Amino acid sequence: MILIIGGSYQNKYEWAKAHYGGKEIWNSFHLFVKNSLSQGKTPEEIKTEVQERIKGNPSLIIISDETGCGVVPFTEEDRNYREVTGRLLCHIAEQAENVFRITCGIGQKIK
């Protein structure tokens, strides 16, 4: 499994397609987390769902915006979303074969 992170609009998806075009890509992981939380799922339920998806496809590429670099959100709901997303990404990064940060369409291998 490969994790690709970076800021919004940094061509993460395009970079992944150019380098790993034949593999399944789970784009916008951060929005999956946000939607799951809005549906009332707990962080543990989301983590379990993520683990099942990874187990079902070990060559999966997960792409997510970084959510912890910037202004602390005003609402408790948004702060919780940011924390849950960040903790899940840390968990995914531990398991990932490779982790890349994409900035301005340029990939930097960080693991």
N, C-alpha and C. Protein backbone atom coordinates (compact mmCIF):
# COMPACT_ATOMS: atom_id res chain seq x y z
N MET A 1 0.84 -1.16 0.00
CA MET A 1 0.00 0.00 0.00
C MET A 1 0.89 1.23 0.00
N ILE A 2 0.41 2.26 -0.69
CA ILE A 2 1.16 3.51 -0.81
C ILE A 2 0.26 4.64 -0.34
N LEU A 3 0.82 5.54 0.44
CA LEU A 3 0.11 6.73 0.89
C LEU A 3 0.71 7.95 0.22
N ILE A 4 -0.17 8.79 -0.34
CA ILE A 4 0.25 10.03 -0.98
C ILE A 4 -0.51 11.16 -0.30
N ILE A 5 0.26 12.13 0.24
CA ILE A 5 -0.35 13.25 0.93
C ILE A 5 0.16 14.55 0.33
N GLY A 6 -0.50 15.63 0.65
CA GLY A 6 -0.08 16.95 0.21
C GLY A 6 -1.23 17.93 0.35
N GLY A 7 -0.95 19.17 0.07
CA GLY A 7 -1.97 20.20 0.15
C GLY A 7 -3.00 20.06 -0.96
N SER A 8 -4.05 20.84 -0.84
CA SER A 8 -5.09 20.85 -1.87
C SER A 8 -4.51 21.32 -3.20
N TYR A 9 -4.99 20.73 -4.27
CA TYR A 9 -4.66 21.15 -5.64
C TYR A 9 -3.16 21.10 -5.94
N GLN A 10 -2.50 20.05 -5.46
CA GLN A 10 -1.07 19.90 -5.72
C GLN A 10 -0.78 18.81 -6.74
N ASN A 11 -1.81 18.34 -7.46
CA ASN A 11 -1.69 17.31 -8.50
C ASN A 11 -1.31 15.93 -7.94
N LYS A 12 -1.81 15.64 -6.75
CA LYS A 12 -1.54 14.34 -6.13
C LYS A 12 -2.08 13.20 -6.99
N TYR A 13 -3.32 13.34 -7.45
CA TYR A 13 -3.93 12.27 -8.25
C TYR A 13 -3.19 12.09 -9.57
N GLU A 14 -2.86 13.17 -10.22
CA GLU A 14 -2.15 13.10 -11.50
C GLU A 14 -0.78 12.45 -11.31
N TRP A 15 -0.10 12.78 -10.22
CA TRP A 15 1.21 12.20 -9.92
C TRP A 15 1.06 10.69 -9.71
N ALA A 16 0.04 10.30 -8.96
CA ALA A 16 -0.19 8.87 -8.70
C ALA A 16 -0.47 8.12 -9.99
N LYS A 17 -1.30 8.69 -10.86
CA LYS A 17 -1.61 8.04 -12.14
C LYS A 17 -0.35 7.90 -12.99
N ALA A 18 0.49 8.91 -13.00
CA ALA A 18 1.70 8.87 -13.82
C ALA A 18 2.70 7.83 -13.31
N HIS A 19 2.74 7.61 -12.00
CA HIS A 19 3.73 6.71 -11.42
C HIS A 19 3.18 5.32 -11.10
N TYR A 20 1.87 5.21 -10.88
CA TYR A 20 1.27 3.93 -10.48
C TYR A 20 -0.06 3.71 -11.19
N GLY A 21 -0.10 4.02 -12.46
CA GLY A 21 -1.34 4.01 -13.23
C GLY A 21 -2.16 2.75 -13.19
N GLY A 22 -1.55 1.59 -12.99
CA GLY A 22 -2.30 0.34 -13.04
C GLY A 22 -2.91 -0.09 -11.73
N LYS A 23 -2.66 0.64 -10.66
CA LYS A 23 -3.16 0.23 -9.35
C LYS A 23 -4.42 1.00 -8.98
N GLU A 24 -5.21 0.40 -8.08
CA GLU A 24 -6.42 1.08 -7.61
C GLU A 24 -6.02 2.28 -6.76
N ILE A 25 -6.67 3.42 -7.02
CA ILE A 25 -6.40 4.64 -6.29
C ILE A 25 -7.64 5.04 -5.50
N TRP A 26 -7.44 5.24 -4.20
CA TRP A 26 -8.50 5.76 -3.33
C TRP A 26 -8.20 7.24 -3.14
N ASN A 27 -8.85 8.07 -3.95
CA ASN A 27 -8.60 9.50 -3.93
C ASN A 27 -9.48 10.18 -2.87
N SER A 28 -9.02 11.30 -2.36
CA SER A 28 -9.77 12.13 -1.41
C SER A 28 -10.14 11.38 -0.14
N PHE A 29 -9.17 10.68 0.42
CA PHE A 29 -9.39 9.94 1.66
C PHE A 29 -9.94 10.85 2.75
N HIS A 30 -9.45 12.09 2.81
CA HIS A 30 -9.90 13.04 3.82
C HIS A 30 -11.40 13.29 3.74
N LEU A 31 -11.97 13.29 2.54
CA LEU A 31 -13.41 13.48 2.39
C LEU A 31 -14.18 12.24 2.82
N PHE A 32 -13.59 11.06 2.61
CA PHE A 32 -14.19 9.83 3.12
C PHE A 32 -14.34 9.92 4.64
N VAL A 33 -13.29 10.39 5.31
CA VAL A 33 -13.33 10.51 6.77
C VAL A 33 -14.41 11.51 7.18
N LYS A 34 -14.43 12.65 6.51
CA LYS A 34 -15.41 13.70 6.83
C LYS A 34 -16.84 13.17 6.66
N ASN A 35 -17.09 12.48 5.55
CA ASN A 35 -18.42 11.93 5.31
C ASN A 35 -18.78 10.85 6.32
N SER A 36 -17.82 10.02 6.68
CA SER A 36 -18.07 8.96 7.65
C SER A 36 -18.42 9.55 9.01
N LEU A 37 -17.71 10.58 9.43
CA LEU A 37 -18.01 11.24 10.71
C LEU A 37 -19.39 11.89 10.67
N SER A 38 -19.73 12.49 9.54
CA SER A 38 -21.05 13.15 9.43
C SER A 38 -22.19 12.13 9.45
N GLN A 39 -21.88 10.87 9.10
CA GLN A 39 -22.88 9.80 9.17
C GLN A 39 -22.96 9.19 10.56
N GLY A 40 -22.16 9.70 11.50
CA GLY A 40 -22.21 9.23 12.87
C GLY A 40 -21.27 8.08 13.19
N LYS A 41 -20.38 7.73 12.27
CA LYS A 41 -19.43 6.66 12.54
C LYS A 41 -18.37 7.14 13.53
N THR A 42 -17.93 6.22 14.38
CA THR A 42 -16.87 6.55 15.34
C THR A 42 -15.51 6.41 14.65
N PRO A 43 -14.48 7.03 15.22
CA PRO A 43 -13.14 6.85 14.65
C PRO A 43 -12.73 5.38 14.56
N GLU A 44 -13.10 4.58 15.54
CA GLU A 44 -12.75 3.15 15.49
C GLU A 44 -13.48 2.43 14.36
N GLU A 45 -14.73 2.78 14.12
CA GLU A 45 -15.47 2.17 13.01
C GLU A 45 -14.84 2.55 11.67
N ILE A 46 -14.43 3.79 11.56
CA ILE A 46 -13.78 4.24 10.32
C ILE A 46 -12.46 3.50 10.14
N LYS A 47 -11.68 3.39 11.22
CA LYS A 47 -10.40 2.70 11.16
C LYS A 47 -10.59 1.25 10.73
N THR A 48 -11.60 0.59 11.26
CA THR A 48 -11.89 -0.80 10.88
C THR A 48 -12.24 -0.89 9.40
N GLU A 49 -13.05 0.03 8.92
CA GLU A 49 -13.44 0.05 7.51
C GLU A 49 -12.21 0.26 6.61
N VAL A 50 -11.32 1.15 7.03
CA VAL A 50 -10.10 1.41 6.27
C VAL A 50 -9.24 0.15 6.23
N GLN A 51 -9.07 -0.49 7.39
CA GLN A 51 -8.26 -1.71 7.47
C GLN A 51 -8.82 -2.81 6.55
N GLU A 52 -10.12 -2.94 6.52
CA GLU A 52 -10.74 -3.96 5.65
C GLU A 52 -10.46 -3.66 4.18
N ARG A 53 -10.55 -2.39 3.81
CA ARG A 53 -10.29 -2.03 2.41
C ARG A 53 -8.82 -2.29 2.05
N ILE A 54 -7.91 -1.97 2.96
CA ILE A 54 -6.49 -2.22 2.70
C ILE A 54 -6.23 -3.72 2.63
N LYS A 55 -6.83 -4.48 3.53
CA LYS A 55 -6.64 -5.93 3.54
C LYS A 55 -7.14 -6.54 2.22
N GLY A 56 -8.23 -5.99 1.69
CA GLY A 56 -8.78 -6.49 0.44
C GLY A 56 -7.97 -6.11 -0.79
N ASN A 57 -7.10 -5.11 -0.65
CA ASN A 57 -6.28 -4.67 -1.78
C ASN A 57 -4.95 -4.12 -1.25
N PRO A 58 -3.98 -5.00 -0.99
CA PRO A 58 -2.71 -4.56 -0.42
C PRO A 58 -1.90 -3.62 -1.32
N SER A 59 -2.23 -3.53 -2.60
CA SER A 59 -1.49 -2.62 -3.48
C SER A 59 -2.23 -1.29 -3.66
N LEU A 60 -3.21 -1.04 -2.81
CA LEU A 60 -4.01 0.17 -2.87
C LEU A 60 -3.13 1.42 -2.71
N ILE A 61 -3.49 2.48 -3.43
CA ILE A 61 -2.86 3.79 -3.28
C ILE A 61 -3.89 4.72 -2.64
N ILE A 62 -3.55 5.28 -1.50
CA ILE A 62 -4.45 6.18 -0.78
C ILE A 62 -3.92 7.60 -0.93
N ILE A 63 -4.79 8.51 -1.38
CA ILE A 63 -4.43 9.90 -1.56
C ILE A 63 -5.27 10.75 -0.62
N SER A 64 -4.60 11.65 0.09
CA SER A 64 -5.32 12.51 1.04
C SER A 64 -4.70 13.89 1.09
N ASP A 65 -5.56 14.89 1.27
CA ASP A 65 -5.05 16.22 1.60
C ASP A 65 -4.52 16.16 3.02
N GLU A 66 -3.48 16.93 3.28
CA GLU A 66 -3.01 17.10 4.65
C GLU A 66 -3.99 18.06 5.33
N THR A 67 -4.41 17.69 6.52
CA THR A 67 -5.41 18.52 7.21
C THR A 67 -4.85 19.25 8.42
N GLY A 68 -3.64 18.93 8.84
CA GLY A 68 -3.11 19.51 10.07
C GLY A 68 -2.18 20.68 9.87
N CYS A 69 -1.96 21.08 8.63
CA CYS A 69 -1.04 22.18 8.35
C CYS A 69 -1.86 23.43 8.04
N GLY A 70 -2.01 24.26 9.02
CA GLY A 70 -2.78 25.48 8.78
C GLY A 70 -3.45 25.97 10.04
N VAL A 71 -4.45 26.79 9.85
CA VAL A 71 -5.19 27.39 10.95
C VAL A 71 -6.02 26.33 11.66
N VAL A 72 -6.04 26.39 12.98
CA VAL A 72 -6.87 25.47 13.76
C VAL A 72 -8.33 25.82 13.48
N PRO A 73 -9.13 24.81 13.08
CA PRO A 73 -10.53 25.08 12.77
C PRO A 73 -11.29 25.68 13.96
N PHE A 74 -12.28 26.49 13.66
CA PHE A 74 -13.06 27.19 14.67
C PHE A 74 -14.01 26.26 15.41
N THR A 75 -14.69 25.39 14.68
CA THR A 75 -15.72 24.55 15.31
C THR A 75 -15.12 23.26 15.86
N GLU A 76 -15.74 22.76 16.90
CA GLU A 76 -15.30 21.49 17.49
C GLU A 76 -15.42 20.35 16.48
N GLU A 77 -16.48 20.37 15.67
CA GLU A 77 -16.69 19.34 14.66
C GLU A 77 -15.53 19.30 13.67
N ASP A 78 -15.10 20.47 13.21
CA ASP A 78 -13.99 20.53 12.25
C ASP A 78 -12.66 20.16 12.90
N ARG A 79 -12.48 20.53 14.17
CA ARG A 79 -11.25 20.14 14.87
C ARG A 79 -11.21 18.62 15.04
N ASN A 80 -12.36 18.02 15.35
CA ASN A 80 -12.43 16.57 15.50
C ASN A 80 -12.12 15.89 14.16
N TYR A 81 -12.70 16.37 13.08
CA TYR A 81 -12.44 15.82 11.75
C TYR A 81 -10.95 15.88 11.44
N ARG A 82 -10.32 17.01 11.73
CA ARG A 82 -8.89 17.17 11.47
C ARG A 82 -8.07 16.19 12.30
N GLU A 83 -8.43 16.02 13.56
CA GLU A 83 -7.69 15.10 14.42
C GLU A 83 -7.86 13.65 13.98
N VAL A 84 -9.10 13.25 13.69
CA VAL A 84 -9.36 11.87 13.27
C VAL A 84 -8.63 11.57 11.97
N THR A 85 -8.71 12.48 11.02
CA THR A 85 -8.02 12.28 9.74
C THR A 85 -6.52 12.16 9.95
N GLY A 86 -5.94 13.05 10.74
CA GLY A 86 -4.51 13.00 10.99
C GLY A 86 -4.07 11.71 11.65
N ARG A 87 -4.83 11.25 12.64
CA ARG A 87 -4.47 10.01 13.34
C ARG A 87 -4.60 8.80 12.41
N LEU A 88 -5.64 8.80 11.58
CA LEU A 88 -5.80 7.70 10.62
C LEU A 88 -4.65 7.70 9.61
N LEU A 89 -4.25 8.87 9.14
CA LEU A 89 -3.14 8.94 8.19
C LEU A 89 -1.84 8.47 8.82
N CYS A 90 -1.63 8.77 10.11
CA CYS A 90 -0.44 8.25 10.81
C CYS A 90 -0.48 6.73 10.86
N HIS A 91 -1.65 6.18 11.15
CA HIS A 91 -1.81 4.72 11.21
C HIS A 91 -1.54 4.10 9.82
N ILE A 92 -2.08 4.72 8.80
CA ILE A 92 -1.88 4.22 7.43
C ILE A 92 -0.39 4.32 7.06
N ALA A 93 0.25 5.43 7.40
CA ALA A 93 1.66 5.63 7.06
C ALA A 93 2.54 4.56 7.70
N GLU A 94 2.20 4.15 8.93
CA GLU A 94 2.98 3.10 9.60
C GLU A 94 2.97 1.81 8.80
N GLN A 95 1.83 1.50 8.18
CA GLN A 95 1.67 0.26 7.43
C GLN A 95 2.15 0.35 5.99
N ALA A 96 2.21 1.57 5.47
CA ALA A 96 2.49 1.77 4.05
C ALA A 96 3.89 1.33 3.68
N GLU A 97 3.99 0.78 2.49
CA GLU A 97 5.30 0.44 1.93
C GLU A 97 6.08 1.71 1.60
N ASN A 98 5.36 2.69 1.03
CA ASN A 98 5.95 3.98 0.69
C ASN A 98 4.97 5.09 1.03
N VAL A 99 5.52 6.24 1.40
CA VAL A 99 4.72 7.44 1.64
C VAL A 99 5.38 8.57 0.85
N PHE A 100 4.55 9.30 0.10
CA PHE A 100 5.03 10.43 -0.70
C PHE A 100 4.27 11.69 -0.32
N ARG A 101 4.98 12.81 -0.32
CA ARG A 101 4.35 14.13 -0.18
C ARG A 101 4.49 14.81 -1.53
N ILE A 102 3.38 15.33 -2.02
CA ILE A 102 3.37 15.99 -3.32
C ILE A 102 3.18 17.49 -3.11
N THR A 103 4.08 18.26 -3.68
CA THR A 103 4.00 19.71 -3.65
C THR A 103 4.25 20.23 -5.05
N CYS A 104 3.34 21.03 -5.55
CA CYS A 104 3.46 21.59 -6.91
C CYS A 104 3.67 20.50 -7.95
N GLY A 105 3.05 19.35 -7.74
CA GLY A 105 3.16 18.25 -8.68
C GLY A 105 4.45 17.46 -8.61
N ILE A 106 5.29 17.78 -7.64
CA ILE A 106 6.58 17.11 -7.47
C ILE A 106 6.51 16.20 -6.24
N GLY A 107 6.83 14.93 -6.45
CA GLY A 107 6.77 13.97 -5.36
C GLY A 107 8.07 13.89 -4.58
N GLN A 108 7.92 13.83 -3.27
CA GLN A 108 9.06 13.64 -2.39
C GLN A 108 8.79 12.40 -1.54
N LYS A 109 9.65 11.41 -1.65
CA LYS A 109 9.49 10.19 -0.88
C LYS A 109 9.89 10.48 0.57
N ILE A 110 8.97 10.21 1.51
CA ILE A 110 9.29 10.41 2.91
C ILE A 110 9.34 9.09 3.67
N LYS A 111 8.95 8.03 3.00
CA LYS A 111 9.12 6.67 3.56
C LYS A 111 9.23 5.69 2.41
